[in-house]
């Protein structure tokens, strides 16, 4: 691959101003993301640990109260979670895909598809 003048090819030649700005911007973005991840992790990790401990206590209490093996209870909860992800609801309020739910879904899909450059141009 040929080396054009003004670009950085290995260690020979200076880096031009545009490339330097790009690299500084990329470095700033990476540092910004790392700082954000550190802050978010520091704020959320203790709460997640507490929630996991509460769940383990509830799981243990439920298993003992109803004399269920932990394996059977885990399997049941796994099956329930799979059904929930598939859209099966246990509440009897209304089905998820009745006409009004389907109409709402179609409306959101139609309203978000399109060329955004046409907005405001008449």
PDB file of N, CA and C in Angstrom:
ATOM      1  N   UNK A   1       0.850  -1.167   0.000  1.00  0.00           N
ATOM      2  CA  UNK A   1       0.000   0.000   0.000  1.00  0.00           C
ATOM      3  C   UNK A   1       0.891   1.222   0.000  1.00  0.00           C
ATOM      4  N   UNK A   2       0.648   2.141  -0.877  1.00  0.00           N
ATOM      5  CA  UNK A   2       1.493   3.321  -1.020  1.00  0.00           C
ATOM      6  C   UNK A   2       1.201   4.307   0.100  1.00  0.00           C
ATOM      7  N   UNK A   3       2.253   5.028   0.495  1.00  0.00           N
ATOM      8  CA  UNK A   3       2.105   6.023   1.553  1.00  0.00           C
ATOM      9  C   UNK A   3       1.929   7.395   0.925  1.00  0.00           C
ATOM     10  N   UNK A   4       0.806   8.041   1.229  1.00  0.00           N
ATOM     11  CA  UNK A   4       0.571   9.388   0.721  1.00  0.00           C
ATOM     12  C   UNK A   4       1.247  10.388   1.634  1.00  0.00           C
ATOM     13  N   UNK A   5       1.592  11.504   1.111  1.00  0.00           N
ATOM     14  CA  UNK A   5       2.242  12.523   1.936  1.00  0.00           C
ATOM     15  C   UNK A   5       1.252  13.085   2.940  1.00  0.00           C
ATOM     16  N   UNK A   6       1.727  13.385   4.125  1.00  0.00           N
ATOM     17  CA  UNK A   6       0.889  13.968   5.156  1.00  0.00           C
ATOM     18  C   UNK A   6       0.170  12.957   6.022  1.00  0.00           C
ATOM     19  N   UNK A   7       0.337  11.679   5.765  1.00  0.00           N
ATOM     20  CA  UNK A   7      -0.307  10.694   6.624  1.00  0.00           C
ATOM     21  C   UNK A   7       0.741   9.962   7.432  1.00  0.00           C
ATOM     22  N   UNK A   8       0.302   9.256   8.400  1.00  0.00           N
ATOM     23  CA  UNK A   8       1.222   8.552   9.275  1.00  0.00           C
ATOM     24  C   UNK A   8       1.355   7.119   8.782  1.00  0.00           C
ATOM     25  N   UNK A   9       2.487   6.770   8.236  1.00  0.00           N
ATOM     26  CA  UNK A   9       2.757   5.415   7.771  1.00  0.00           C
ATOM     27  C   UNK A   9       3.868   4.842   8.621  1.00  0.00           C
ATOM     28  N   UNK A  10       3.517   4.043   9.580  1.00  0.00           N
ATOM     29  CA  UNK A  10       4.524   3.505  10.488  1.00  0.00           C
ATOM     30  C   UNK A  10       5.084   4.626  11.345  1.00  0.00           C
ATOM     31  N   UNK A  11       6.400   4.696  11.443  1.00  0.00           N
ATOM     32  CA  UNK A  11       7.009   5.745  12.252  1.00  0.00           C
ATOM     33  C   UNK A  11       7.648   6.818  11.389  1.00  0.00           C
ATOM     34  N   UNK A  12       7.493   6.710  10.070  1.00  0.00           N
ATOM     35  CA  UNK A  12       8.108   7.705   9.194  1.00  0.00           C
ATOM     36  C   UNK A  12       7.079   8.753   8.798  1.00  0.00           C
ATOM     37  N   UNK A  13       7.371   9.997   9.016  1.00  0.00           N
ATOM     38  CA  UNK A  13       6.502  11.087   8.594  1.00  0.00           C
ATOM     39  C   UNK A  13       5.623  11.601   9.711  1.00  0.00           C
ATOM     40  N   UNK A  14       5.323  12.881   9.666  1.00  0.00           N
ATOM     41  CA  UNK A  14       4.493  13.492  10.707  1.00  0.00           C
ATOM     42  C   UNK A  14       3.007  13.188  10.490  1.00  0.00           C
ATOM     43  N   UNK A  15       2.256  13.351  11.539  1.00  0.00           N
ATOM     44  CA  UNK A  15       0.802  13.163  11.462  1.00  0.00           C
ATOM     45  C   UNK A  15       0.184  14.531  11.179  1.00  0.00           C
ATOM     46  N   UNK A  16      -0.748  14.599  10.246  1.00  0.00           N
ATOM     47  CA  UNK A  16      -1.314  15.909   9.906  1.00  0.00           C
ATOM     48  C   UNK A  16      -2.354  16.337  10.942  1.00  0.00           C
ATOM     49  N   UNK A  17      -2.787  17.580  10.867  1.00  0.00           N
ATOM     50  CA  UNK A  17      -3.664  18.176  11.885  1.00  0.00           C
ATOM     51  C   UNK A  17      -5.024  17.487  11.956  1.00  0.00           C
ATOM     52  N   UNK A  18      -5.596  17.149  10.818  1.00  0.00           N
ATOM     53  CA  UNK A  18      -6.912  16.482  10.814  1.00  0.00           C
ATOM     54  C   UNK A  18      -6.849  15.123  11.504  1.00  0.00           C
ATOM     55  N   UNK A  19      -5.805  14.368  11.197  1.00  0.00           N
ATOM     56  CA  UNK A  19      -5.654  13.052  11.833  1.00  0.00           C
ATOM     57  C   UNK A  19      -5.419  13.199  13.329  1.00  0.00           C
ATOM     58  N   UNK A  20      -4.649  14.203  13.722  1.00  0.00           N
ATOM     59  CA  UNK A  20      -4.398  14.434  15.143  1.00  0.00           C
ATOM     60  C   UNK A  20      -5.698  14.791  15.860  1.00  0.00           C
ATOM     61  N   UNK A  21      -6.512  15.637  15.254  1.00  0.00           N
ATOM     62  CA  UNK A  21      -7.803  15.994  15.862  1.00  0.00           C
ATOM     63  C   UNK A  21      -8.699  14.773  16.000  1.00  0.00           C
ATOM     64  N   UNK A  22      -8.714  13.955  14.940  1.00  0.00           N
ATOM     65  CA  UNK A  22      -9.527  12.742  14.974  1.00  0.00           C
ATOM     66  C   UNK A  22      -9.069  11.824  16.106  1.00  0.00           C
ATOM     67  N   UNK A  23      -7.771  11.613  16.221  1.00  0.00           N
ATOM     68  CA  UNK A  23      -7.250  10.736  17.265  1.00  0.00           C
ATOM     69  C   UNK A  23      -7.534  11.292  18.660  1.00  0.00           C
ATOM     70  N   UNK A  24      -7.393  12.603  18.837  1.00  0.00           N
ATOM     71  CA  UNK A  24      -7.705  13.208  20.129  1.00  0.00           C
ATOM     72  C   UNK A  24      -9.194  13.068  20.458  1.00  0.00           C
ATOM     73  N   UNK A  25     -10.042  13.279  19.463  1.00  0.00           N
ATOM     74  CA  UNK A  25     -11.474  13.120  19.679  1.00  0.00           C
ATOM     75  C   UNK A  25     -11.808  11.667  20.037  1.00  0.00           C
ATOM     76  N   UNK A  26     -11.219  10.733  19.315  1.00  0.00           N
ATOM     77  CA  UNK A  26     -11.458   9.317  19.599  1.00  0.00           C
ATOM     78  C   UNK A  26     -10.973   8.969  21.008  1.00  0.00           C
ATOM     79  N   UNK A  27      -9.817   9.485  21.398  1.00  0.00           N
ATOM     80  CA  UNK A  27      -9.292   9.247  22.736  1.00  0.00           C
ATOM     81  C   UNK A  27     -10.216   9.851  23.794  1.00  0.00           C
ATOM     82  N   UNK A  28     -10.704  11.068  23.540  1.00  0.00           N
ATOM     83  CA  UNK A  28     -11.626  11.710  24.475  1.00  0.00           C
ATOM     84  C   UNK A  28     -12.912  10.891  24.631  1.00  0.00           C
ATOM     85  N   UNK A  29     -13.443  10.399  23.535  1.00  0.00           N
ATOM     86  CA  UNK A  29     -14.683   9.610  23.584  1.00  0.00           C
ATOM     87  C   UNK A  29     -14.461   8.325  24.376  1.00  0.00           C
ATOM     88  N   UNK A  30     -13.330   7.658  24.141  1.00  0.00           N
ATOM     89  CA  UNK A  30     -13.036   6.426  24.873  1.00  0.00           C
ATOM     90  C   UNK A  30     -12.886   6.717  26.362  1.00  0.00           C
ATOM     91  N   UNK A  31     -12.178   7.775  26.714  1.00  0.00           N
ATOM     92  CA  UNK A  31     -12.035   8.147  28.122  1.00  0.00           C
ATOM     93  C   UNK A  31     -13.381   8.505  28.744  1.00  0.00           C
ATOM     94  N   UNK A  32     -14.210   9.214  27.999  1.00  0.00           N
ATOM     95  CA  UNK A  32     -15.550   9.582  28.468  1.00  0.00           C
ATOM     96  C   UNK A  32     -16.385   8.327  28.739  1.00  0.00           C
ATOM     97  N   UNK A  33     -16.320   7.369  27.830  1.00  0.00           N
ATOM     98  CA  UNK A  33     -17.072   6.117  28.007  1.00  0.00           C
ATOM     99  C   UNK A  33     -16.547   5.328  29.203  1.00  0.00           C
ATOM    100  N   UNK A  34     -15.234   5.293  29.376  1.00  0.00           N
ATOM    101  CA  UNK A  34     -14.658   4.578  30.512  1.00  0.00           C
ATOM    102  C   UNK A  34     -15.069   5.219  31.837  1.00  0.00           C
ATOM    103  N   UNK A  35     -15.044   6.540  31.886  1.00  0.00           N
ATOM    104  CA  UNK A  35     -15.474   7.238  33.112  1.00  0.00           C
ATOM    105  C   UNK A  35     -16.956   6.992  33.371  1.00  0.00           C
ATOM    106  N   UNK A  36     -17.774   7.048  32.349  1.00  0.00           N
ATOM    107  CA  UNK A  36     -19.204   6.785  32.508  1.00  0.00           C
ATOM    108  C   UNK A  36     -19.464   5.367  32.986  1.00  0.00           C
ATOM    109  N   UNK A  37     -18.736   4.412  32.433  1.00  0.00           N
ATOM    110  CA  UNK A  37     -18.903   3.017  32.859  1.00  0.00           C
ATOM    111  C   UNK A  37     -18.492   2.845  34.312  1.00  0.00           C
ATOM    112  N   UNK A  38     -17.407   3.526  34.725  1.00  0.00           N
ATOM    113  CA  UNK A  38     -16.958   3.429  36.115  1.00  0.00           C
ATOM    114  C   UNK A  38     -18.000   4.009  37.068  1.00  0.00           C
ATOM    115  N   UNK A  39     -18.558   5.155  36.725  1.00  0.00           N
ATOM    116  CA  UNK A  39     -19.564   5.788  37.578  1.00  0.00           C
ATOM    117  C   UNK A  39     -20.820   4.916  37.643  1.00  0.00           C
ATOM    118  N   UNK A  40     -21.291   4.472  36.499  1.00  0.00           N
ATOM    119  CA  UNK A  40     -22.502   3.648  36.448  1.00  0.00           C
ATOM    120  C   UNK A  40     -22.308   2.355  37.240  1.00  0.00           C
ATOM    121  N   UNK A  41     -21.154   1.732  37.066  1.00  0.00           N
ATOM    122  CA  UNK A  41     -20.865   0.490  37.778  1.00  0.00           C
ATOM    123  C   UNK A  41     -20.816   0.723  39.285  1.00  0.00           C
ATOM    124  N   UNK A  42     -20.178   1.822  39.704  1.00  0.00           N
ATOM    125  CA  UNK A  42     -20.076   2.118  41.137  1.00  0.00           C
ATOM    126  C   UNK A  42     -21.450   2.392  41.744  1.00  0.00           C
ATOM    127  N   UNK A  43     -22.341   3.008  40.987  1.00  0.00           N
ATOM    128  CA  UNK A  43     -23.670   3.323  41.508  1.00  0.00           C
ATOM    129  C   UNK A  43     -24.602   2.110  41.511  1.00  0.00           C
ATOM    130  N   UNK A  44     -24.520   1.282  40.493  1.00  0.00           N
ATOM    131  CA  UNK A  44     -25.501   0.206  40.318  1.00  0.00           C
ATOM    132  C   UNK A  44     -25.081  -1.142  40.894  1.00  0.00           C
ATOM    133  N   UNK A  45     -23.795  -1.406  40.984  1.00  0.00           N
ATOM    134  CA  UNK A  45     -23.351  -2.731  41.410  1.00  0.00           C
ATOM    135  C   UNK A  45     -23.806  -3.096  42.831  1.00  0.00           C
ATOM    136  N   UNK A  46     -23.725  -2.181  43.812  1.00  0.00           N
ATOM    137  CA  UNK A  46     -24.217  -2.559  45.146  1.00  0.00           C
ATOM    138  C   UNK A  46     -25.709  -2.890  45.166  1.00  0.00           C
ATOM    139  N   UNK A  47     -26.500  -2.152  44.417  1.00  0.00           N
ATOM    140  CA  UNK A  47     -27.949  -2.423  44.359  1.00  0.00           C
ATOM    141  C   UNK A  47     -28.214  -3.785  43.725  1.00  0.00           C
ATOM    142  N   UNK A  48     -27.445  -4.105  42.699  1.00  0.00           N
ATOM    143  CA  UNK A  48     -27.619  -5.403  42.043  1.00  0.00           C
ATOM    144  C   UNK A  48     -27.266  -6.534  43.002  1.00  0.00           C
ATOM    145  N   UNK A  49     -26.191  -6.358  43.766  1.00  0.00           N
ATOM    146  CA  UNK A  49     -25.795  -7.366  44.743  1.00  0.00           C
ATOM    147  C   UNK A  49     -26.889  -7.569  45.795  1.00  0.00           C
ATOM    148  N   UNK A  50     -27.465  -6.454  46.287  1.00  0.00           N
ATOM    149  CA  UNK A  50     -28.545  -6.546  47.270  1.00  0.00           C
ATOM    150  C   UNK A  50     -29.758  -7.266  46.696  1.00  0.00           C
ATOM    151  N   UNK A  51     -30.105  -6.945  45.458  1.00  0.00           N
ATOM    152  CA  UNK A  51     -31.264  -7.585  44.822  1.00  0.00           C
ATOM    153  C   UNK A  51     -31.022  -9.082  44.654  1.00  0.00           C
ATOM    154  N   UNK A  52     -29.791  -9.467  44.301  1.00  0.00           N
ATOM    155  CA  UNK A  52     -29.476 -10.893  44.153  1.00  0.00           C
ATOM    156  C   UNK A  52     -29.591 -11.614  45.491  1.00  0.00           C
ATOM    157  N   UNK A  53     -29.121 -10.966  46.558  1.00  0.00           N
ATOM    158  CA  UNK A  53     -29.211 -11.579  47.881  1.00  0.00           C
ATOM    159  C   UNK A  53     -30.672 -11.723  48.321  1.00  0.00           C
ATOM    160  N   UNK A  54     -31.490 -10.686  48.065  1.00  0.00           N
ATOM    161  CA  UNK A  54     -32.914 -10.775  48.403  1.00  0.00           C
ATOM    162  C   UNK A  54     -33.582 -11.901  47.622  1.00  0.00           C
ATOM    163  N   UNK A  55     -33.242 -12.029  46.340  1.00  0.00           N
ATOM    164  CA  UNK A  55     -33.826 -13.087  45.525  1.00  0.00           C
ATOM    165  C   UNK A  55     -33.421 -14.456  46.052  1.00  0.00           C
ATOM    166  N   UNK A  56     -32.172 -14.628  46.434  1.00  0.00           N
ATOM    167  CA  UNK A  56     -31.713 -15.914  46.964  1.00  0.00           C
ATOM    168  C   UNK A  56     -32.461 -16.260  48.245  1.00  0.00           C
ATOM    169  N   UNK A  57     -32.709 -15.261  49.091  1.00  0.00           N
ATOM    170  CA  UNK A  57     -33.458 -15.501  50.331  1.00  0.00           C
ATOM    171  C   UNK A  57     -34.905 -15.878  50.021  1.00  0.00           C
ATOM    172  N   UNK A  58     -35.524 -15.160  49.099  1.00  0.00           N
ATOM    173  CA  UNK A  58     -36.915 -15.479  48.735  1.00  0.00           C
ATOM    174  C   UNK A  58     -37.017 -16.868  48.122  1.00  0.00           C
ATOM    175  N   UNK A  59     -36.056 -17.184  47.257  1.00  0.00           N
ATOM    176  CA  UNK A  59     -36.023 -18.489  46.601  1.00  0.00           C
ATOM    177  C   UNK A  59     -35.921 -19.591  47.658  1.00  0.00           C
ATOM    178  N   UNK A  60     -35.005 -19.418  48.602  1.00  0.00           N
ATOM    179  CA  UNK A  60     -34.806 -20.402  49.666  1.00  0.00           C
ATOM    180  C   UNK A  60     -36.064 -20.527  50.523  1.00  0.00           C
ATOM    181  N   UNK A  61     -36.646 -19.401  50.909  1.00  0.00           N
ATOM    182  CA  UNK A  61     -37.856 -19.403  51.744  1.00  0.00           C
ATOM    183  C   UNK A  61     -39.021 -20.101  51.025  1.00  0.00           C
ATOM    184  N   UNK A  62     -39.218 -19.765  49.745  1.00  0.00           N
ATOM    185  CA  UNK A  62     -40.313 -20.362  48.980  1.00  0.00           C
ATOM    186  C   UNK A  62     -40.101 -21.862  48.833  1.00  0.00           C
ATOM    187  N   UNK A  63     -38.871 -22.256  48.538  1.00  0.00           N
ATOM    188  CA  UNK A  63     -38.556 -23.671  48.367  1.00  0.00           C
ATOM    189  C   UNK A  63     -38.845 -24.458  49.643  1.00  0.00           C
ATOM    190  N   UNK A  64     -38.483 -23.892  50.788  1.00  0.00           N
ATOM    191  CA  UNK A  64     -38.731 -24.575  52.061  1.00  0.00           C
ATOM    192  C   UNK A  64     -40.207 -24.550  52.430  1.00  0.00           C
ATOM    193  N   UNK A  65     -40.855 -23.424  52.219  1.00  0.00           N
ATOM    194  CA  UNK A  65     -42.259 -23.272  52.614  1.00  0.00           C
ATOM    195  C   UNK A  65     -43.165 -24.260  51.881  1.00  0.00           C
ATOM    196  N   UNK A  66     -42.936 -24.451  50.598  1.00  0.00           N
ATOM    197  CA  UNK A  66     -43.793 -25.320  49.801  1.00  0.00           C
ATOM    198  C   UNK A  66     -43.161 -26.685  49.526  1.00  0.00           C
ATOM    199  N   UNK A  67     -42.076 -26.980  50.210  1.00  0.00           N
ATOM    200  CA  UNK A  67     -41.409 -28.276  50.127  1.00  0.00           C
ATOM    201  C   UNK A  67     -41.096 -28.670  48.677  1.00  0.00           C
ATOM    202  N   UNK A  68     -40.461 -27.744  47.967  1.00  0.00           N
ATOM    203  CA  UNK A  68     -40.062 -27.987  46.582  1.00  0.00           C
ATOM    204  C   UNK A  68     -38.552 -28.120  46.502  1.00  0.00           C
ATOM    205  N   UNK A  69     -38.112 -29.001  45.654  1.00  0.00           N
ATOM    206  CA  UNK A  69     -36.663 -29.078  45.459  1.00  0.00           C
ATOM    207  C   UNK A  69     -36.212 -27.840  44.680  1.00  0.00           C
ATOM    208  N   UNK A  70     -35.016 -27.411  44.959  1.00  0.00           N
ATOM    209  CA  UNK A  70     -34.501 -26.214  44.292  1.00  0.00           C
ATOM    210  C   UNK A  70     -34.380 -26.435  42.784  1.00  0.00           C
ATOM    211  N   UNK A  71     -34.051 -27.655  42.404  1.00  0.00           N
ATOM    212  CA  UNK A  71     -33.921 -27.969  40.983  1.00  0.00           C
ATOM    213  C   UNK A  71     -35.266 -27.839  40.273  1.00  0.00           C
ATOM    214  N   UNK A  72     -36.319 -28.398  40.870  1.00  0.00           N
ATOM    215  CA  UNK A  72     -37.652 -28.309  40.266  1.00  0.00           C
ATOM    216  C   UNK A  72     -38.129 -26.856  40.192  1.00  0.00           C
ATOM    217  N   UNK A  73     -37.877 -26.109  41.259  1.00  0.00           N
ATOM    218  CA  UNK A  73     -38.290 -24.715  41.272  1.00  0.00           C
ATOM    219  C   UNK A  73     -37.534 -23.903  40.219  1.00  0.00           C
ATOM    220  N   UNK A  74     -36.230 -24.153  40.076  1.00  0.00           N
ATOM    221  CA  UNK A  74     -35.453 -23.460  39.039  1.00  0.00           C
ATOM    222  C   UNK A  74     -35.974 -23.792  37.642  1.00  0.00           C
ATOM    223  N   UNK A  75     -36.281 -25.060  37.413  1.00  0.00           N
ATOM    224  CA  UNK A  75     -36.811 -25.473  36.105  1.00  0.00           C
ATOM    225  C   UNK A  75     -38.149 -24.802  35.822  1.00  0.00           C
ATOM    226  N   UNK A  76     -39.016 -24.748  36.835  1.00  0.00           N
ATOM    227  CA  UNK A  76     -40.309 -24.102  36.659  1.00  0.00           C
ATOM    228  C   UNK A  76     -40.123 -22.622  36.333  1.00  0.00           C
ATOM    229  N   UNK A  77     -39.261 -21.942  37.073  1.00  0.00           N
ATOM    230  CA  UNK A  77     -39.030 -20.519  36.832  1.00  0.00           C
ATOM    231  C   UNK A  77     -38.390 -20.279  35.460  1.00  0.00           C
ATOM    232  N   UNK A  78     -37.535 -21.189  35.042  1.00  0.00           N
ATOM    233  CA  UNK A  78     -36.931 -21.075  33.709  1.00  0.00           C
ATOM    234  C   UNK A  78     -38.006 -21.203  32.633  1.00  0.00           C
ATOM    235  N   UNK A  79     -38.905 -22.165  32.799  1.00  0.00           N
ATOM    236  CA  UNK A  79     -40.004 -22.337  31.844  1.00  0.00           C
ATOM    237  C   UNK A  79     -40.927 -21.128  31.836  1.00  0.00           C
ATOM    238  N   UNK A  80     -41.179 -20.574  33.019  1.00  0.00           N
ATOM    239  CA  UNK A  80     -42.024 -19.381  33.112  1.00  0.00           C
ATOM    240  C   UNK A  80     -41.368 -18.209  32.382  1.00  0.00           C
ATOM    241  N   UNK A  81     -40.081 -18.046  32.590  1.00  0.00           N
ATOM    242  CA  UNK A  81     -39.361 -16.946  31.931  1.00  0.00           C
ATOM    243  C   UNK A  81     -39.375 -17.104  30.415  1.00  0.00           C
ATOM    244  N   UNK A  82     -39.205 -18.322  29.922  1.00  0.00           N
ATOM    245  CA  UNK A  82     -39.261 -18.569  28.476  1.00  0.00           C
ATOM    246  C   UNK A  82     -40.646 -18.236  27.923  1.00  0.00           C
ATOM    247  N   UNK A  83     -41.679 -18.600  28.659  1.00  0.00           N
ATOM    248  CA  UNK A  83     -43.045 -18.291  28.221  1.00  0.00           C
ATOM    249  C   UNK A  83     -43.273 -16.786  28.220  1.00  0.00           C
ATOM    250  N   UNK A  84     -42.762 -16.101  29.211  1.00  0.00           N
ATOM    251  CA  UNK A  84     -42.917 -14.653  29.289  1.00  0.00           C
ATOM    252  C   UNK A  84     -42.201 -13.963  28.131  1.00  0.00           C
ATOM    253  N   UNK A  85     -41.003 -14.425  27.803  1.00  0.00           N
ATOM    254  CA  UNK A  85     -40.265 -13.861  26.668  1.00  0.00           C
ATOM    255  C   UNK A  85     -41.010 -14.117  25.362  1.00  0.00           C
ATOM    256  N   UNK A  86     -41.666 -15.252  25.266  1.00  0.00           N
ATOM    257  CA  UNK A  86     -42.424 -15.592  24.056  1.00  0.00           C
ATOM    258  C   UNK A  86     -43.719 -14.797  23.946  1.00  0.00           C
ATOM    259  N   UNK A  87     -44.064 -14.043  24.989  1.00  0.00           N
ATOM    260  CA  UNK A  87     -45.259 -13.209  24.925  1.00  0.00           C
ATOM    261  C   UNK A  87     -46.471 -13.782  25.615  1.00  0.00           C
ATOM    262  N   UNK A  88     -46.312 -14.897  26.292  1.00  0.00           N
ATOM    263  CA  UNK A  88     -47.431 -15.496  27.000  1.00  0.00           C
ATOM    264  C   UNK A  88     -47.563 -14.798  28.344  1.00  0.00           C
ATOM    265  N   UNK A  89     -48.759 -14.270  28.605  1.00  0.00           N
ATOM    266  CA  UNK A  89     -48.984 -13.537  29.846  1.00  0.00           C
ATOM    267  C   UNK A  89     -49.844 -14.363  30.784  1.00  0.00           C
ATOM    268  N   UNK A  90     -49.547 -14.246  32.065  1.00  0.00           N
ATOM    269  CA  UNK A  90     -50.332 -15.004  33.036  1.00  0.00           C
ATOM    270  C   UNK A  90     -51.500 -14.191  33.572  1.00  0.00           C
ATOM    271  N   UNK A  91     -51.431 -12.872  33.428  1.00  0.00           N
ATOM    272  CA  UNK A  91     -52.558 -12.071  33.893  1.00  0.00           C
ATOM    273  C   UNK A  91     -53.706 -12.187  32.893  1.00  0.00           C
ATOM    274  N   UNK A  92     -54.886 -11.934  33.365  1.00  0.00           N
ATOM    275  CA  UNK A  92     -56.068 -12.084  32.507  1.00  0.00           C
ATOM    276  C   UNK A  92     -56.635 -10.732  32.104  1.00  0.00           C
ATOM    277  N   UNK A  93     -55.836  -9.687  32.147  1.00  0.00           N
ATOM    278  CA  UNK A  93     -56.321  -8.350  31.809  1.00  0.00           C
ATOM    279  C   UNK A  93     -56.796  -8.329  30.357  1.00  0.00           C
ATOM    280  N   UNK A  94     -55.907  -8.605  29.447  1.00  0.00           N
ATOM    281  CA  UNK A  94     -56.272  -8.717  28.035  1.00  0.00           C
ATOM    282  C   UNK A  94     -55.101  -9.357  27.312  1.00  0.00           C
ATOM    283  N   UNK A  95     -55.343  -9.991  26.190  1.00  0.00           N
ATOM    284  CA  UNK A  95     -54.231 -10.574  25.436  1.00  0.00           C
ATOM    285  C   UNK A  95     -53.338  -9.479  24.864  1.00  0.00           C
ATOM    286  N   UNK A  96     -52.088  -9.784  24.674  1.00  0.00           N
ATOM    287  CA  UNK A  96     -51.129  -8.807  24.175  1.00  0.00           C
ATOM    288  C   UNK A  96     -51.427  -8.416  22.732  1.00  0.00           C
ATOM    289  N   UNK A  97     -51.841  -9.367  21.920  1.00  0.00           N
ATOM    290  CA  UNK A  97     -52.052  -9.082  20.492  1.00  0.00           C
ATOM    291  C   UNK A  97     -53.526  -9.023  20.133  1.00  0.00           C
ATOM    292  N   UNK A  98     -54.320  -8.363  20.958  1.00  0.00           N
ATOM    293  CA  UNK A  98     -55.681  -8.109  20.530  1.00  0.00           C
ATOM    294  C   UNK A  98     -55.640  -6.970  19.490  1.00  0.00           C
ATOM    295  N   UNK A  99     -56.790  -6.569  18.999  1.00  0.00           N
ATOM    296  CA  UNK A  99     -56.807  -5.585  17.907  1.00  0.00           C
ATOM    297  C   UNK A  99     -56.180  -4.256  18.320  1.00  0.00           C
ATOM    298  N   UNK A 100     -56.467  -3.774  19.520  1.00  0.00           N
ATOM    299  CA  UNK A 100     -55.918  -2.475  19.930  1.00  0.00           C
ATOM    300  C   UNK A 100     -54.401  -2.539  20.110  1.00  0.00           C
ATOM    301  N   UNK A 101     -53.898  -3.637  20.663  1.00  0.00           N
ATOM    302  CA  UNK A 101     -52.446  -3.792  20.806  1.00  0.00           C
ATOM    303  C   UNK A 101     -51.751  -3.879  19.462  1.00  0.00           C
ATOM    304  N   UNK A 102     -52.360  -4.624  18.526  1.00  0.00           N
ATOM    305  CA  UNK A 102     -51.787  -4.736  17.187  1.00  0.00           C
ATOM    306  C   UNK A 102     -51.840  -3.402  16.453  1.00  0.00           C
ATOM    307  N   UNK A 103     -52.922  -2.657  16.640  1.00  0.00           N
ATOM    308  CA  UNK A 103     -53.051  -1.351  16.005  1.00  0.00           C
ATOM    309  C   UNK A 103     -51.988  -0.393  16.532  1.00  0.00           C
ATOM    310  N   UNK A 104     -51.748  -0.413  17.832  1.00  0.00           N
ATOM    311  CA  UNK A 104     -50.712   0.428  18.426  1.00  0.00           C
ATOM    312  C   UNK A 104     -49.338   0.063  17.863  1.00  0.00           C
ATOM    313  N   UNK A 105     -49.039  -1.238  17.759  1.00  0.00           N
ATOM    314  CA  UNK A 105     -47.755  -1.686  17.223  1.00  0.00           C
ATOM    315  C   UNK A 105     -47.573  -1.219  15.783  1.00  0.00           C
ATOM    316  N   UNK A 106     -48.586  -1.411  14.952  1.00  0.00           N
ATOM    317  CA  UNK A 106     -48.501  -0.992  13.552  1.00  0.00           C
ATOM    318  C   UNK A 106     -48.308   0.515  13.458  1.00  0.00           C
ATOM    319  N   UNK A 107     -48.988   1.267  14.301  1.00  0.00           N
ATOM    320  CA  UNK A 107     -48.836   2.720  14.297  1.00  0.00           C
ATOM    321  C   UNK A 107     -47.430   3.161  14.645  1.00  0.00           C
ATOM    322  N   UNK A 108     -46.809   2.506  15.631  1.00  0.00           N
ATOM    323  CA  UNK A 108     -45.448   2.884  15.980  1.00  0.00           C
ATOM    324  C   UNK A 108     -44.467   2.503  14.884  1.00  0.00           C
ATOM    325  N   UNK A 109     -44.690   1.372  14.227  1.00  0.00           N
ATOM    326  CA  UNK A 109     -43.795   0.973  13.141  1.00  0.00           C
ATOM    327  C   UNK A 109     -43.916   1.945  11.973  1.00  0.00           C
ATOM    328  N   UNK A 110     -45.127   2.258  11.575  1.00  0.00           N
ATOM    329  CA  UNK A 110     -45.341   3.143  10.431  1.00  0.00           C
ATOM    330  C   UNK A 110     -44.814   4.549  10.728  1.00  0.00           C
ATOM    331  N   UNK A 111     -44.967   5.017  11.936  1.00  0.00           N
ATOM    332  CA  UNK A 111     -44.546   6.390  12.249  1.00  0.00           C
ATOM    333  C   UNK A 111     -43.039   6.532  12.367  1.00  0.00           C
ATOM    334  N   UNK A 112     -42.303   5.431  12.493  1.00  0.00           N
ATOM    335  CA  UNK A 112     -40.848   5.534  12.620  1.00  0.00           C
ATOM    336  C   UNK A 112     -40.110   5.145  11.356  1.00  0.00           C
ATOM    337  N   UNK A 113     -40.803   4.758  10.321  1.00  0.00           N
ATOM    338  CA  UNK A 113     -40.169   4.383   9.058  1.00  0.00           C
ATOM    339  C   UNK A 113     -40.298   5.560   8.100  1.00  0.00           C
ATOM    340  N   UNK A 114     -39.210   5.870   7.447  1.00  0.00           N
ATOM    341  CA  UNK A 114     -39.285   6.927   6.450  1.00  0.00           C
ATOM    342  C   UNK A 114     -37.983   7.679   6.336  1.00  0.00           C
ATOM    343  N   UNK A 115     -37.950   8.587   5.408  1.00  0.00           N
ATOM    344  CA  UNK A 115     -36.763   9.378   5.160  1.00  0.00           C
ATOM    345  C   UNK A 115     -36.897  10.671   5.963  1.00  0.00           C
ATOM    346  N   UNK A 116     -36.021  10.868   6.915  1.00  0.00           N
ATOM    347  CA  UNK A 116     -36.142  12.018   7.827  1.00  0.00           C
ATOM    348  C   UNK A 116     -35.826  13.341   7.145  1.00  0.00           C
ATOM    349  N   UNK A 117     -35.183  13.301   5.962  1.00  0.00           N
ATOM    350  CA  UNK A 117     -34.885  14.568   5.284  1.00  0.00           C
ATOM    351  C   UNK A 117     -36.125  15.189   4.705  1.00  0.00           C
ATOM    352  N   UNK A 118     -37.209  14.442   4.566  1.00  0.00           N
ATOM    353  CA  UNK A 118     -38.426  14.986   4.006  1.00  0.00           C
ATOM    354  C   UNK A 118     -39.214  15.796   5.029  1.00  0.00           C
ATOM    355  N   UNK A 119     -38.921  15.619   6.310  1.00  0.00           N
ATOM    356  CA  UNK A 119     -39.654  16.318   7.348  1.00  0.00           C
ATOM    357  C   UNK A 119     -39.348  17.807   7.255  1.00  0.00           C
ATOM    358  N   UNK A 120     -40.379  18.594   7.173  1.00  0.00           N
ATOM    359  CA  UNK A 120     -40.215  20.041   7.121  1.00  0.00           C
ATOM    360  C   UNK A 120     -40.001  20.609   5.747  1.00  0.00           C
ATOM    361  N   UNK A 121     -39.873  19.767   4.741  1.00  0.00           N
ATOM    362  CA  UNK A 121     -39.694  20.259   3.371  1.00  0.00           C
ATOM    363  C   UNK A 121     -41.037  20.197   2.642  1.00  0.00           C
ATOM    364  N   UNK A 122     -41.495  21.336   2.165  1.00  0.00           N
ATOM    365  CA  UNK A 122     -42.748  21.377   1.434  1.00  0.00           C
ATOM    366  C   UNK A 122     -42.556  21.961   0.067  1.00  0.00           C
TER     367      UNK A 122
END
